[in-house]
Each structure stands twice: as structure tokens, then as C-alpha cells.
Amino acid sequence: MSLTVNEGASFKQIDPGTYGARCIRVIDLGTQTVKDFNNQDETKEKHQVMLTWELPGELIPEGELKGQPYSVSRFYTAMLGDKSNLRKDLEAWRGKNFTVEELKGFSLNAVLGKACMVSVVHSKTGKANVKAVLALPKGMQVPPAINPIYSYDMEADGFGDKFDALTKGVQKMIHGSKEYQEISGIPVDHSDGLHAVSDGDIPF
């Protein structure tokens, strides 16, 4: 079954707000060249991952994807340091800080299929982005995910069928990674801006 989304499809972005969600994708984007948060004229290399959440209770009302659930994503630097956004969101999601031992053995794939709340805001261009991830309120239920749940790891999965199943936009981000360029020997033009950009019960 192909997991590829029709990238030509267009639809209204979901309104800002807080929604019940399930994580359906954990995607390794490799080492990306990104703008320095403190100095937009400079760049840094950061290993990034993308998490995508489906909002199974919020369906697209019209267009080619009518009846499909909305989804939203967030890019993170792939690190779990004290001040990292990824760790902050994971701890808010699970409702408990990590112990030192938990951090040593933590796999990000543990969040796949897990429910949470996501706070959605709109960018200046009107794109829906995840601002924060929160634990579910006690007693709240989130419907099962509708779309397939999957992960992609560049080192483990390579560039075969699992890579081909990613959307064209995500593939292009990965093509821009340091690792892919080293494998292919082909320099990648980032001028189009499609590379990645900065940054109860315990569910995992």
C-alpha cells in the first residue's frame, strides 16, 4: 500500500486551536543546513527529525482530500538535552520528566500511535504548525488513527521502498541532508527553501 500523499491536493488549513491527536510519523531527515535562530544570516548543521500528528476527530470538509483527517507536523533537532524542544515536548506529552536511565535507552519510535494534545498556530503564510504538545486531560479519548503509522530511519531503511513511500516534499528535505549528499555525491540546491527549518498514565 502506498503511503504517499497527493502533494498537488490543496485544502483549507485547520484553524488554530488545541486538538486531540495521534502521532503517525517519525521521520529522520538527516543532518540539515538550517538558519541560526540567533542570526538569520548564518547557518548551522543540525540532525533533524519530523514528527507528524493526525487529528482523527477533525476531517477535511472539501476538496480532493475530503473526509480525510487533518495532520500537522513539527521539526526538531534530534537531541534530548535539558533545553531541547524535543525533550520539552516529550516530557509535557508523557506528563513526567525523563530519568537518566530512561534517556539512555529511549527510542523516538515509542511515540508512534500515542495520543496527546497539540496546540496549533498559523504561520505568517497561513500554514498550520504545531506550537506545543501536551498530555491528554484525564478521561479524554482520541479516536484511533485513520492513516498508516510508520517511521523512517535513513541509516536503517536506506533509500528503497520506505523512502519511496514518503511525500515528495519530505524526500526533497532528505535529499538535502549531509548524509544523502555523501552517499550520492550530488550537491543539492537549497534555494527553494524546502529543506527542514528550525526548531495520567505515562504513554511512553
Foldseek 3Di string as FASTA:
>chain_A
DFLEDDPVWDAAADAFDKAKKAWFEKEWLAWAWEADPVHRVHTDTFGKIKIKIWRVVAAGCDTPRGRATDMAMFMFGPDCDPPGPVQVQLCQAQVHHDDPVCVVPDDPCLRHFPMWMFGWDADPVGHIHTPHTHYDDPPDDGDGHDGHGDYDDCVVHPCPDVVVSYYPLSNLQSCQHPVNCVVVVDHDDCVVVSHDYDDVHRSD
